[in-house]
């Protein structure tokens, strides 16, 4: 399902700072714009409640996950809240194994080829290239030349509608979008406008 969602729309919403009171309205705006993967980082206010609300209110073809997952116990809490995807800033094997044991999709953060191969060996579904602004499209191209065919590499950090094309040309097929899409205090209408700009850029790639 994760691969299908990213094939339809490779944009992943990272809603850092989201609070439960706004979760449904923001989620519905993103879904209407075409987003099919939404992530609530765990360093947001009451993140498990937001995950639960999003999962309850959005259609089944929209994957709801958690970001900044740091411990195996957090994996279990995400699953209990209805989350389906574990996104990490790092590649701790204990967290990777907990996510796979829980039957969740997994996107660990990697910054070297060694980390990338190790994460794939633990069952990672998507590799989160983080921070992307530090490495750039050249790193995506170089990694994909040696990683197994079909590896999904998703740059996160500094992704804008204007640089999607460069990363896509290098082989990236997923993109994590943070403050360029959503910041605390934004209205659903503002998020929708940002989402439209990203989706327009995504559609232009294809």
N, C-alpha and C. Protein backbone atom coordinates (compact mmCIF):
# COMPACT_ATOMS: atom_id res chain seq x y z
N UNK A 1 0.82 -1.21 0.00
CA UNK A 1 0.00 0.00 0.00
C UNK A 1 0.85 1.26 0.00
N UNK A 2 1.98 1.24 0.72
CA UNK A 2 2.85 2.41 0.74
C UNK A 2 3.39 2.72 -0.64
N UNK A 3 3.87 1.69 -1.34
CA UNK A 3 4.38 1.91 -2.70
C UNK A 3 3.30 2.45 -3.61
N UNK A 4 2.09 1.92 -3.47
CA UNK A 4 0.97 2.38 -4.29
C UNK A 4 0.65 3.84 -4.01
N UNK A 5 0.65 4.20 -2.72
CA UNK A 5 0.36 5.58 -2.33
C UNK A 5 1.40 6.54 -2.89
N UNK A 6 2.67 6.16 -2.81
CA UNK A 6 3.73 7.03 -3.30
C UNK A 6 3.75 7.10 -4.83
N UNK A 7 3.33 6.02 -5.48
CA UNK A 7 3.26 6.05 -6.94
C UNK A 7 2.18 7.03 -7.40
N UNK A 8 1.09 7.09 -6.63
CA UNK A 8 0.01 8.01 -6.96
C UNK A 8 0.41 9.45 -6.69
N UNK A 9 1.04 9.65 -5.54
CA UNK A 9 1.51 10.98 -5.15
C UNK A 9 2.69 10.79 -4.21
N UNK A 10 3.88 11.11 -4.67
CA UNK A 10 5.09 10.85 -3.90
C UNK A 10 5.38 11.85 -2.81
N UNK A 11 4.41 12.70 -2.50
CA UNK A 11 4.61 13.74 -1.50
C UNK A 11 4.13 13.26 -0.14
N UNK A 12 4.99 13.37 0.86
CA UNK A 12 4.68 12.95 2.22
C UNK A 12 4.57 14.19 3.11
N UNK A 13 3.41 14.37 3.71
CA UNK A 13 3.19 15.54 4.57
C UNK A 13 3.77 15.28 5.96
N UNK A 14 4.63 16.17 6.42
CA UNK A 14 5.22 16.09 7.76
C UNK A 14 4.63 17.23 8.58
N UNK A 15 3.72 16.91 9.50
CA UNK A 15 2.96 17.93 10.21
C UNK A 15 3.52 18.16 11.61
N UNK A 16 4.75 18.63 11.67
CA UNK A 16 5.40 18.85 12.96
C UNK A 16 4.74 20.02 13.68
N UNK A 17 4.30 19.77 14.93
CA UNK A 17 3.64 20.81 15.70
C UNK A 17 2.13 20.79 15.60
N UNK A 18 1.60 19.86 14.80
CA UNK A 18 0.14 19.74 14.67
C UNK A 18 -0.48 19.43 16.03
N UNK A 19 -1.64 20.02 16.30
CA UNK A 19 -2.36 19.67 17.53
C UNK A 19 -3.70 19.03 17.17
N UNK A 20 -4.26 18.24 18.07
CA UNK A 20 -5.48 17.51 17.73
C UNK A 20 -6.64 18.38 17.27
N UNK A 21 -6.74 19.60 17.78
CA UNK A 21 -7.86 20.46 17.44
C UNK A 21 -7.89 20.82 15.96
N UNK A 22 -6.73 20.84 15.32
CA UNK A 22 -6.67 21.20 13.90
C UNK A 22 -6.40 20.00 13.00
N UNK A 23 -6.17 18.84 13.57
CA UNK A 23 -5.69 17.70 12.80
C UNK A 23 -6.63 17.32 11.66
N UNK A 24 -7.91 17.22 11.94
CA UNK A 24 -8.85 16.76 10.93
C UNK A 24 -8.95 17.76 9.78
N UNK A 25 -9.06 19.03 10.09
CA UNK A 25 -9.21 20.05 9.04
C UNK A 25 -7.97 20.10 8.15
N UNK A 26 -6.79 20.04 8.76
CA UNK A 26 -5.56 20.05 7.98
C UNK A 26 -5.44 18.77 7.16
N UNK A 27 -5.75 17.64 7.79
CA UNK A 27 -5.69 16.37 7.06
C UNK A 27 -6.63 16.32 5.88
N UNK A 28 -7.83 16.82 6.06
CA UNK A 28 -8.80 16.82 4.96
C UNK A 28 -8.36 17.74 3.83
N UNK A 29 -7.73 18.87 4.17
CA UNK A 29 -7.22 19.77 3.14
C UNK A 29 -6.11 19.09 2.33
N UNK A 30 -5.24 18.36 3.02
CA UNK A 30 -4.16 17.66 2.33
C UNK A 30 -4.69 16.53 1.45
N UNK A 31 -5.65 15.79 1.98
CA UNK A 31 -6.23 14.68 1.19
C UNK A 31 -6.91 15.23 -0.06
N UNK A 32 -7.66 16.31 0.08
CA UNK A 32 -8.34 16.91 -1.07
C UNK A 32 -7.35 17.38 -2.12
N UNK A 33 -6.16 17.81 -1.68
CA UNK A 33 -5.13 18.26 -2.62
C UNK A 33 -4.44 17.10 -3.32
N UNK A 34 -4.59 15.88 -2.79
CA UNK A 34 -3.99 14.72 -3.43
C UNK A 34 -2.98 13.95 -2.59
N UNK A 35 -2.70 14.42 -1.38
CA UNK A 35 -1.74 13.72 -0.51
C UNK A 35 -2.34 12.39 -0.05
N UNK A 36 -1.48 11.36 -0.01
CA UNK A 36 -1.93 10.04 0.43
C UNK A 36 -1.05 9.46 1.52
N UNK A 37 -0.06 10.22 2.00
CA UNK A 37 0.77 9.81 3.14
C UNK A 37 0.93 11.03 4.05
N UNK A 38 0.50 10.88 5.31
CA UNK A 38 0.55 11.98 6.27
C UNK A 38 1.24 11.48 7.53
N UNK A 39 2.18 12.26 8.01
CA UNK A 39 3.01 11.88 9.17
C UNK A 39 2.89 12.95 10.25
N UNK A 40 2.64 12.51 11.48
CA UNK A 40 2.63 13.41 12.63
C UNK A 40 3.85 13.11 13.48
N UNK A 41 4.84 13.98 13.52
CA UNK A 41 6.01 13.74 14.37
C UNK A 41 5.62 13.65 15.84
N UNK A 42 6.29 12.78 16.56
CA UNK A 42 5.93 12.54 17.96
C UNK A 42 6.33 13.67 18.90
N UNK A 43 7.11 14.64 18.40
CA UNK A 43 7.39 15.81 19.25
C UNK A 43 6.39 16.93 18.99
N UNK A 44 5.20 16.55 18.52
CA UNK A 44 4.06 17.46 18.39
C UNK A 44 3.18 17.32 19.62
N UNK A 45 2.28 18.31 19.87
CA UNK A 45 1.38 18.20 21.02
C UNK A 45 0.40 17.03 20.85
N UNK A 46 0.33 16.15 21.81
CA UNK A 46 -0.60 15.02 21.80
C UNK A 46 -0.62 14.29 20.45
N UNK A 47 0.53 13.82 20.00
CA UNK A 47 0.61 13.26 18.65
C UNK A 47 -0.25 12.01 18.44
N UNK A 48 -0.37 11.18 19.46
CA UNK A 48 -1.14 9.95 19.28
C UNK A 48 -2.63 10.26 19.08
N UNK A 49 -3.11 11.31 19.73
CA UNK A 49 -4.50 11.71 19.52
C UNK A 49 -4.70 12.23 18.10
N UNK A 50 -3.74 13.00 17.58
CA UNK A 50 -3.86 13.48 16.20
C UNK A 50 -3.83 12.32 15.22
N UNK A 51 -2.95 11.36 15.46
CA UNK A 51 -2.88 10.18 14.59
C UNK A 51 -4.21 9.44 14.61
N UNK A 52 -4.78 9.27 15.79
CA UNK A 52 -6.06 8.56 15.91
C UNK A 52 -7.17 9.29 15.16
N UNK A 53 -7.21 10.60 15.30
CA UNK A 53 -8.24 11.39 14.62
C UNK A 53 -8.09 11.31 13.10
N UNK A 54 -6.86 11.45 12.62
CA UNK A 54 -6.62 11.38 11.18
C UNK A 54 -7.01 10.01 10.63
N UNK A 55 -6.65 8.96 11.35
CA UNK A 55 -6.97 7.62 10.88
C UNK A 55 -8.48 7.39 10.87
N UNK A 56 -9.17 7.92 11.85
CA UNK A 56 -10.61 7.73 11.93
C UNK A 56 -11.35 8.51 10.85
N UNK A 57 -10.83 9.67 10.46
CA UNK A 57 -11.59 10.57 9.59
C UNK A 57 -11.20 10.54 8.12
N UNK A 58 -9.98 10.13 7.80
CA UNK A 58 -9.56 10.15 6.40
C UNK A 58 -9.80 8.78 5.75
N UNK A 59 -9.99 8.77 4.43
CA UNK A 59 -10.24 7.51 3.73
C UNK A 59 -9.11 6.51 3.90
N UNK A 60 -9.43 5.25 3.68
CA UNK A 60 -8.48 4.16 3.93
C UNK A 60 -7.28 4.20 3.01
N UNK A 61 -7.39 4.87 1.85
CA UNK A 61 -6.25 4.90 0.92
C UNK A 61 -5.23 5.96 1.31
N UNK A 62 -5.44 6.64 2.43
CA UNK A 62 -4.47 7.60 2.95
C UNK A 62 -3.75 6.98 4.14
N UNK A 63 -2.45 6.80 4.01
CA UNK A 63 -1.65 6.21 5.09
C UNK A 63 -1.36 7.27 6.16
N UNK A 64 -1.56 6.91 7.40
CA UNK A 64 -1.28 7.81 8.52
C UNK A 64 -0.13 7.21 9.32
N UNK A 65 0.88 8.02 9.58
CA UNK A 65 2.04 7.53 10.31
C UNK A 65 2.55 8.51 11.33
N UNK A 66 3.64 8.11 11.97
CA UNK A 66 4.29 8.95 12.98
C UNK A 66 5.73 9.19 12.57
N UNK A 67 6.21 10.39 12.84
CA UNK A 67 7.60 10.72 12.59
C UNK A 67 8.35 10.93 13.90
N UNK A 68 9.66 11.06 13.80
CA UNK A 68 10.52 11.23 14.96
C UNK A 68 10.28 10.11 15.98
N UNK A 69 10.14 8.89 15.48
CA UNK A 69 9.95 7.73 16.35
C UNK A 69 11.34 7.27 16.79
N UNK A 70 11.56 7.22 18.10
CA UNK A 70 12.90 7.00 18.64
C UNK A 70 13.06 5.71 19.43
N UNK A 71 11.96 5.11 19.87
CA UNK A 71 12.06 3.94 20.74
C UNK A 71 11.07 2.86 20.33
N UNK A 72 11.35 1.59 20.67
CA UNK A 72 10.39 0.52 20.38
C UNK A 72 9.04 0.74 21.07
N UNK A 73 9.04 1.30 22.26
CA UNK A 73 7.76 1.52 22.96
C UNK A 73 6.90 2.54 22.22
N UNK A 74 7.52 3.52 21.58
CA UNK A 74 6.76 4.48 20.79
C UNK A 74 6.12 3.80 19.58
N UNK A 75 6.81 2.82 19.01
CA UNK A 75 6.24 2.06 17.89
C UNK A 75 4.91 1.44 18.31
N UNK A 76 4.87 0.84 19.47
CA UNK A 76 3.65 0.20 19.95
C UNK A 76 2.54 1.24 20.17
N UNK A 77 2.92 2.40 20.69
CA UNK A 77 1.91 3.45 20.92
C UNK A 77 1.35 3.97 19.60
N UNK A 78 2.20 4.07 18.59
CA UNK A 78 1.73 4.49 17.27
C UNK A 78 0.74 3.47 16.72
N UNK A 79 1.08 2.21 16.83
CA UNK A 79 0.17 1.16 16.34
C UNK A 79 -1.15 1.19 17.08
N UNK A 80 -1.11 1.36 18.40
CA UNK A 80 -2.33 1.41 19.20
C UNK A 80 -3.22 2.59 18.79
N UNK A 81 -2.60 3.67 18.31
CA UNK A 81 -3.35 4.85 17.89
C UNK A 81 -3.89 4.72 16.46
N UNK A 82 -3.55 3.63 15.79
CA UNK A 82 -4.02 3.43 14.42
C UNK A 82 -3.01 3.81 13.36
N UNK A 83 -1.81 4.19 13.78
CA UNK A 83 -0.77 4.55 12.81
C UNK A 83 -0.31 3.34 12.02
N UNK A 84 0.09 3.59 10.78
CA UNK A 84 0.48 2.51 9.87
C UNK A 84 1.92 2.61 9.40
N UNK A 85 2.55 3.73 9.66
CA UNK A 85 3.89 4.00 9.12
C UNK A 85 4.77 4.58 10.22
N UNK A 86 5.98 4.05 10.33
CA UNK A 86 6.97 4.56 11.28
C UNK A 86 8.07 5.28 10.50
N UNK A 87 8.25 6.56 10.80
CA UNK A 87 9.29 7.37 10.17
C UNK A 87 10.27 7.80 11.25
N UNK A 88 11.55 7.65 10.95
CA UNK A 88 12.59 7.90 11.94
C UNK A 88 13.61 8.90 11.40
N UNK A 89 14.25 9.68 12.28
CA UNK A 89 15.34 10.54 11.83
C UNK A 89 16.66 9.79 11.73
N UNK A 90 16.66 8.57 12.28
CA UNK A 90 17.88 7.78 12.37
C UNK A 90 17.56 6.35 11.94
N UNK A 91 18.45 5.41 12.28
CA UNK A 91 18.29 4.04 11.81
C UNK A 91 18.63 3.04 12.91
N UNK A 92 18.06 3.24 14.09
CA UNK A 92 18.30 2.36 15.23
C UNK A 92 17.70 0.98 14.94
N UNK A 93 18.52 -0.08 14.91
CA UNK A 93 18.01 -1.41 14.57
C UNK A 93 16.89 -1.88 15.49
N UNK A 94 16.92 -1.49 16.76
CA UNK A 94 15.87 -1.91 17.68
C UNK A 94 14.51 -1.35 17.27
N UNK A 95 14.50 -0.11 16.82
CA UNK A 95 13.25 0.51 16.40
C UNK A 95 12.79 -0.10 15.07
N UNK A 96 13.74 -0.32 14.17
CA UNK A 96 13.39 -0.95 12.89
C UNK A 96 12.74 -2.31 13.12
N UNK A 97 13.34 -3.11 13.98
CA UNK A 97 12.81 -4.45 14.23
C UNK A 97 11.45 -4.39 14.90
N UNK A 98 11.28 -3.44 15.80
CA UNK A 98 9.98 -3.30 16.46
C UNK A 98 8.89 -2.93 15.46
N UNK A 99 9.22 -2.06 14.52
CA UNK A 99 8.24 -1.65 13.51
C UNK A 99 7.85 -2.82 12.62
N UNK A 100 8.83 -3.60 12.20
CA UNK A 100 8.52 -4.73 11.33
C UNK A 100 7.75 -5.80 12.10
N UNK A 101 8.12 -6.02 13.36
CA UNK A 101 7.40 -7.00 14.18
C UNK A 101 5.95 -6.58 14.39
N UNK A 102 5.70 -5.28 14.41
CA UNK A 102 4.35 -4.75 14.60
C UNK A 102 3.55 -4.74 13.30
N UNK A 103 4.19 -5.08 12.18
CA UNK A 103 3.51 -5.10 10.90
C UNK A 103 3.28 -3.73 10.30
N UNK A 104 4.14 -2.77 10.65
CA UNK A 104 4.00 -1.40 10.14
C UNK A 104 4.99 -1.14 9.02
N UNK A 105 4.63 -0.20 8.15
CA UNK A 105 5.59 0.24 7.14
C UNK A 105 6.66 1.07 7.81
N UNK A 106 7.83 1.11 7.18
CA UNK A 106 9.00 1.66 7.87
C UNK A 106 9.84 2.53 6.94
N UNK A 107 10.12 3.75 7.41
CA UNK A 107 10.96 4.69 6.66
C UNK A 107 12.01 5.29 7.60
N UNK A 108 13.15 4.60 7.78
CA UNK A 108 14.20 5.12 8.65
C UNK A 108 15.03 6.20 7.95
N UNK A 109 15.63 7.07 8.76
CA UNK A 109 16.51 8.09 8.22
C UNK A 109 17.91 7.54 8.02
N UNK A 110 18.49 7.84 6.88
CA UNK A 110 19.84 7.37 6.56
C UNK A 110 20.64 8.53 5.96
N UNK A 111 21.94 8.54 6.25
CA UNK A 111 22.80 9.61 5.74
C UNK A 111 24.08 9.08 5.11
N UNK A 112 24.23 7.74 5.09
CA UNK A 112 25.39 7.12 4.45
C UNK A 112 24.94 5.84 3.75
N UNK A 113 25.69 5.38 2.74
CA UNK A 113 25.35 4.09 2.12
C UNK A 113 25.36 2.94 3.10
N UNK A 114 26.27 2.96 4.07
CA UNK A 114 26.32 1.89 5.07
C UNK A 114 25.00 1.82 5.83
N UNK A 115 24.49 2.97 6.26
CA UNK A 115 23.20 3.00 6.95
C UNK A 115 22.08 2.54 6.03
N UNK A 116 22.15 2.93 4.77
CA UNK A 116 21.10 2.56 3.82
C UNK A 116 21.03 1.05 3.64
N UNK A 117 22.16 0.40 3.42
CA UNK A 117 22.17 -1.05 3.24
C UNK A 117 21.72 -1.76 4.52
N UNK A 118 22.16 -1.27 5.68
CA UNK A 118 21.77 -1.88 6.94
C UNK A 118 20.27 -1.77 7.17
N UNK A 119 19.69 -0.61 6.83
CA UNK A 119 18.25 -0.42 7.01
C UNK A 119 17.45 -1.33 6.08
N UNK A 120 17.91 -1.48 4.86
CA UNK A 120 17.23 -2.38 3.93
C UNK A 120 17.29 -3.82 4.43
N UNK A 121 18.41 -4.19 5.02
CA UNK A 121 18.55 -5.55 5.56
C UNK A 121 17.58 -5.81 6.70
N UNK A 122 17.15 -4.74 7.38
CA UNK A 122 16.19 -4.87 8.48
C UNK A 122 14.75 -4.74 8.00
N UNK A 123 14.57 -4.57 6.69
CA UNK A 123 13.21 -4.54 6.16
C UNK A 123 12.64 -3.18 5.87
N UNK A 124 13.47 -2.14 5.81
CA UNK A 124 12.97 -0.79 5.51
C UNK A 124 12.23 -0.78 4.17
N UNK A 125 11.07 -0.12 4.15
CA UNK A 125 10.28 -0.02 2.92
C UNK A 125 10.68 1.19 2.08
N UNK A 126 11.06 2.25 2.75
CA UNK A 126 11.51 3.49 2.11
C UNK A 126 12.70 4.00 2.90
N UNK A 127 13.69 4.53 2.22
CA UNK A 127 14.83 5.15 2.89
C UNK A 127 14.64 6.66 2.88
N UNK A 128 14.66 7.24 4.06
CA UNK A 128 14.51 8.69 4.21
C UNK A 128 15.90 9.32 4.18
N UNK A 129 16.23 9.99 3.08
CA UNK A 129 17.53 10.66 2.94
C UNK A 129 17.46 11.97 3.71
N UNK A 130 18.16 12.01 4.83
CA UNK A 130 18.01 13.15 5.74
C UNK A 130 19.34 13.55 6.36
N UNK A 131 19.67 14.85 6.33
CA UNK A 131 18.91 15.96 5.75
C UNK A 131 19.27 16.17 4.28
N UNK A 132 18.27 16.24 3.44
CA UNK A 132 18.49 16.28 1.99
C UNK A 132 19.23 17.54 1.55
N UNK A 133 19.01 18.66 2.24
CA UNK A 133 19.67 19.89 1.81
C UNK A 133 21.18 19.82 2.01
N UNK A 134 21.61 18.94 2.89
CA UNK A 134 23.05 18.78 3.13
C UNK A 134 23.71 17.93 2.06
N UNK A 135 22.92 17.06 1.40
CA UNK A 135 23.50 16.10 0.46
C UNK A 135 23.18 16.40 -1.00
N UNK A 136 21.93 16.68 -1.31
CA UNK A 136 21.59 17.09 -2.65
C UNK A 136 21.35 15.95 -3.63
N UNK A 137 20.89 16.29 -4.84
CA UNK A 137 20.54 15.29 -5.84
C UNK A 137 21.70 14.39 -6.25
N UNK A 138 22.92 14.91 -6.22
CA UNK A 138 24.07 14.08 -6.63
C UNK A 138 24.21 12.85 -5.76
N UNK A 139 23.90 12.99 -4.47
CA UNK A 139 23.98 11.86 -3.55
C UNK A 139 22.89 10.83 -3.88
N UNK A 140 21.70 11.30 -4.20
CA UNK A 140 20.62 10.39 -4.60
C UNK A 140 21.05 9.54 -5.79
N UNK A 141 21.59 10.18 -6.79
CA UNK A 141 22.01 9.47 -7.99
C UNK A 141 23.12 8.46 -7.70
N UNK A 142 24.09 8.86 -6.89
CA UNK A 142 25.21 7.97 -6.56
C UNK A 142 24.74 6.77 -5.75
N UNK A 143 23.88 7.00 -4.78
CA UNK A 143 23.38 5.89 -3.96
C UNK A 143 22.59 4.90 -4.79
N UNK A 144 21.70 5.41 -5.62
CA UNK A 144 20.83 4.52 -6.39
C UNK A 144 21.60 3.70 -7.41
N UNK A 145 22.81 4.12 -7.72
CA UNK A 145 23.64 3.33 -8.63
C UNK A 145 24.13 2.05 -7.96
N UNK A 146 24.14 2.01 -6.63
CA UNK A 146 24.67 0.84 -5.92
C UNK A 146 23.63 0.14 -5.05
N UNK A 147 22.55 0.83 -4.69
CA UNK A 147 21.51 0.19 -3.89
C UNK A 147 20.71 -0.78 -4.76
N UNK A 148 20.01 -1.75 -4.14
CA UNK A 148 19.23 -2.70 -4.92
C UNK A 148 18.23 -2.00 -5.84
N UNK A 149 18.02 -2.57 -7.01
CA UNK A 149 17.05 -2.01 -7.96
C UNK A 149 15.69 -1.90 -7.30
N UNK A 150 15.03 -0.78 -7.52
CA UNK A 150 13.71 -0.58 -6.96
C UNK A 150 13.69 0.06 -5.59
N UNK A 151 14.86 0.35 -5.02
CA UNK A 151 14.91 1.01 -3.71
C UNK A 151 14.22 2.37 -3.78
N UNK A 152 13.31 2.61 -2.84
CA UNK A 152 12.62 3.89 -2.77
C UNK A 152 13.41 4.82 -1.85
N UNK A 153 13.90 5.91 -2.41
CA UNK A 153 14.69 6.88 -1.67
C UNK A 153 13.91 8.19 -1.63
N UNK A 154 13.64 8.67 -0.41
CA UNK A 154 12.82 9.86 -0.25
C UNK A 154 13.61 10.96 0.46
N UNK A 155 14.04 11.99 -0.26
CA UNK A 155 14.72 13.11 0.39
C UNK A 155 13.78 13.87 1.32
N UNK A 156 14.30 14.28 2.46
CA UNK A 156 13.54 15.06 3.44
C UNK A 156 14.44 16.17 3.96
N UNK A 157 13.91 17.39 3.97
CA UNK A 157 14.67 18.53 4.46
C UNK A 157 15.02 19.49 3.33
N UNK A 158 14.36 20.63 3.31
CA UNK A 158 14.65 21.63 2.29
C UNK A 158 14.04 21.36 0.93
N UNK A 159 13.03 20.49 0.87
CA UNK A 159 12.39 20.19 -0.41
C UNK A 159 11.35 21.26 -0.71
N UNK A 160 11.44 21.86 -1.89
CA UNK A 160 10.51 22.90 -2.32
C UNK A 160 9.92 22.53 -3.68
N UNK A 161 8.83 23.18 -4.09
CA UNK A 161 8.32 22.92 -5.43
C UNK A 161 9.36 23.17 -6.52
N UNK A 162 10.31 24.05 -6.24
CA UNK A 162 11.30 24.41 -7.25
C UNK A 162 12.44 23.41 -7.40
N UNK A 163 12.70 22.59 -6.36
CA UNK A 163 13.81 21.63 -6.50
C UNK A 163 13.36 20.17 -6.60
N UNK A 164 12.05 19.94 -6.65
CA UNK A 164 11.55 18.57 -6.85
C UNK A 164 12.15 17.96 -8.10
N UNK A 165 12.18 18.72 -9.18
CA UNK A 165 12.63 18.17 -10.47
C UNK A 165 14.07 17.65 -10.38
N UNK A 166 14.94 18.39 -9.69
CA UNK A 166 16.34 17.97 -9.60
C UNK A 166 16.47 16.63 -8.88
N UNK A 167 15.75 16.49 -7.78
CA UNK A 167 15.81 15.23 -7.03
C UNK A 167 15.14 14.09 -7.80
N UNK A 168 14.05 14.40 -8.49
CA UNK A 168 13.36 13.38 -9.28
C UNK A 168 14.24 12.88 -10.42
N UNK A 169 14.91 13.80 -11.08
CA UNK A 169 15.80 13.42 -12.17
C UNK A 169 16.94 12.53 -11.68
N UNK A 170 17.32 12.70 -10.42
CA UNK A 170 18.38 11.89 -9.84
C UNK A 170 17.88 10.50 -9.42
N UNK A 171 16.55 10.33 -9.39
CA UNK A 171 15.99 9.02 -9.08
C UNK A 171 15.08 8.95 -7.86
N UNK A 172 14.93 10.05 -7.12
CA UNK A 172 14.03 10.05 -5.96
C UNK A 172 12.59 9.90 -6.42
N UNK A 173 11.81 9.12 -5.68
CA UNK A 173 10.41 8.92 -6.03
C UNK A 173 9.47 9.20 -4.86
N UNK A 174 10.03 9.76 -3.81
CA UNK A 174 9.23 10.21 -2.67
C UNK A 174 9.88 11.45 -2.09
N UNK A 175 9.08 12.31 -1.47
CA UNK A 175 9.60 13.57 -0.94
C UNK A 175 8.89 13.90 0.36
N UNK A 176 9.65 14.09 1.44
CA UNK A 176 9.08 14.50 2.71
C UNK A 176 9.04 16.01 2.80
N UNK A 177 7.87 16.55 3.11
CA UNK A 177 7.66 18.01 3.10
C UNK A 177 7.31 18.49 4.50
N UNK A 178 8.12 19.37 5.05
CA UNK A 178 7.90 19.88 6.39
C UNK A 178 7.37 21.29 6.40
N UNK A 179 8.23 22.23 6.83
CA UNK A 179 7.77 23.60 7.06
C UNK A 179 7.35 24.33 5.79
N UNK A 180 7.79 23.86 4.64
CA UNK A 180 7.33 24.47 3.39
C UNK A 180 5.88 24.16 3.10
N UNK A 181 5.36 23.14 3.77
CA UNK A 181 3.96 22.74 3.60
C UNK A 181 3.10 23.17 4.77
N UNK A 182 3.59 22.91 5.98
CA UNK A 182 2.80 23.19 7.19
C UNK A 182 3.71 23.71 8.29
N UNK A 183 3.23 24.75 8.98
CA UNK A 183 3.84 25.23 10.21
C UNK A 183 2.71 25.46 11.21
N UNK A 184 2.98 25.26 12.51
CA UNK A 184 1.95 25.54 13.51
C UNK A 184 1.41 26.96 13.36
N UNK A 185 0.10 27.07 13.43
CA UNK A 185 -0.54 28.37 13.29
C UNK A 185 -1.12 28.62 11.91
N UNK A 186 -0.71 27.83 10.93
CA UNK A 186 -1.28 27.98 9.60
C UNK A 186 -2.74 27.53 9.60
N UNK A 187 -3.57 28.21 8.80
CA UNK A 187 -4.95 27.78 8.63
C UNK A 187 -5.00 26.62 7.63
N UNK A 188 -6.08 25.84 7.65
CA UNK A 188 -6.22 24.81 6.63
C UNK A 188 -6.16 25.36 5.21
N UNK A 189 -6.65 26.58 5.04
CA UNK A 189 -6.62 27.19 3.71
C UNK A 189 -5.18 27.48 3.28
N UNK A 190 -4.35 27.94 4.20
CA UNK A 190 -2.94 28.16 3.87
C UNK A 190 -2.23 26.85 3.55
N UNK A 191 -2.53 25.82 4.32
CA UNK A 191 -1.94 24.51 4.04
C UNK A 191 -2.40 24.01 2.68
N UNK A 192 -3.66 24.21 2.37
CA UNK A 192 -4.19 23.78 1.07
C UNK A 192 -3.47 24.49 -0.08
N UNK A 193 -3.19 25.78 0.09
CA UNK A 193 -2.50 26.53 -0.96
C UNK A 193 -1.08 26.02 -1.14
N UNK A 194 -0.39 25.76 -0.03
CA UNK A 194 0.96 25.19 -0.13
C UNK A 194 0.92 23.81 -0.77
N UNK A 195 -0.07 23.01 -0.36
CA UNK A 195 -0.20 21.67 -0.91
C UNK A 195 -0.41 21.71 -2.42
N UNK A 196 -1.22 22.64 -2.87
CA UNK A 196 -1.50 22.76 -4.30
C UNK A 196 -0.22 23.06 -5.08
N UNK A 197 0.63 23.92 -4.53
CA UNK A 197 1.89 24.25 -5.21
C UNK A 197 2.78 23.03 -5.33
N UNK A 198 2.85 22.22 -4.27
CA UNK A 198 3.66 21.00 -4.33
C UNK A 198 3.06 19.98 -5.29
N UNK A 199 1.74 19.80 -5.24
CA UNK A 199 1.11 18.81 -6.12
C UNK A 199 1.25 19.23 -7.57
N UNK A 200 1.15 20.51 -7.86
CA UNK A 200 1.36 20.99 -9.23
C UNK A 200 2.78 20.65 -9.71
N UNK A 201 3.76 20.84 -8.82
CA UNK A 201 5.15 20.52 -9.16
C UNK A 201 5.32 19.02 -9.35
N UNK A 202 4.68 18.21 -8.50
CA UNK A 202 4.75 16.75 -8.63
C UNK A 202 4.16 16.29 -9.96
N UNK A 203 3.00 16.83 -10.30
CA UNK A 203 2.36 16.42 -11.55
C UNK A 203 3.17 16.82 -12.76
N UNK A 204 3.90 17.91 -12.66
CA UNK A 204 4.74 18.35 -13.77
C UNK A 204 5.91 17.40 -14.02
N UNK A 205 6.31 16.66 -12.96
CA UNK A 205 7.41 15.70 -13.11
C UNK A 205 7.01 14.55 -14.01
N UNK A 206 5.72 14.23 -14.05
CA UNK A 206 5.25 13.02 -14.66
C UNK A 206 4.70 13.26 -16.05
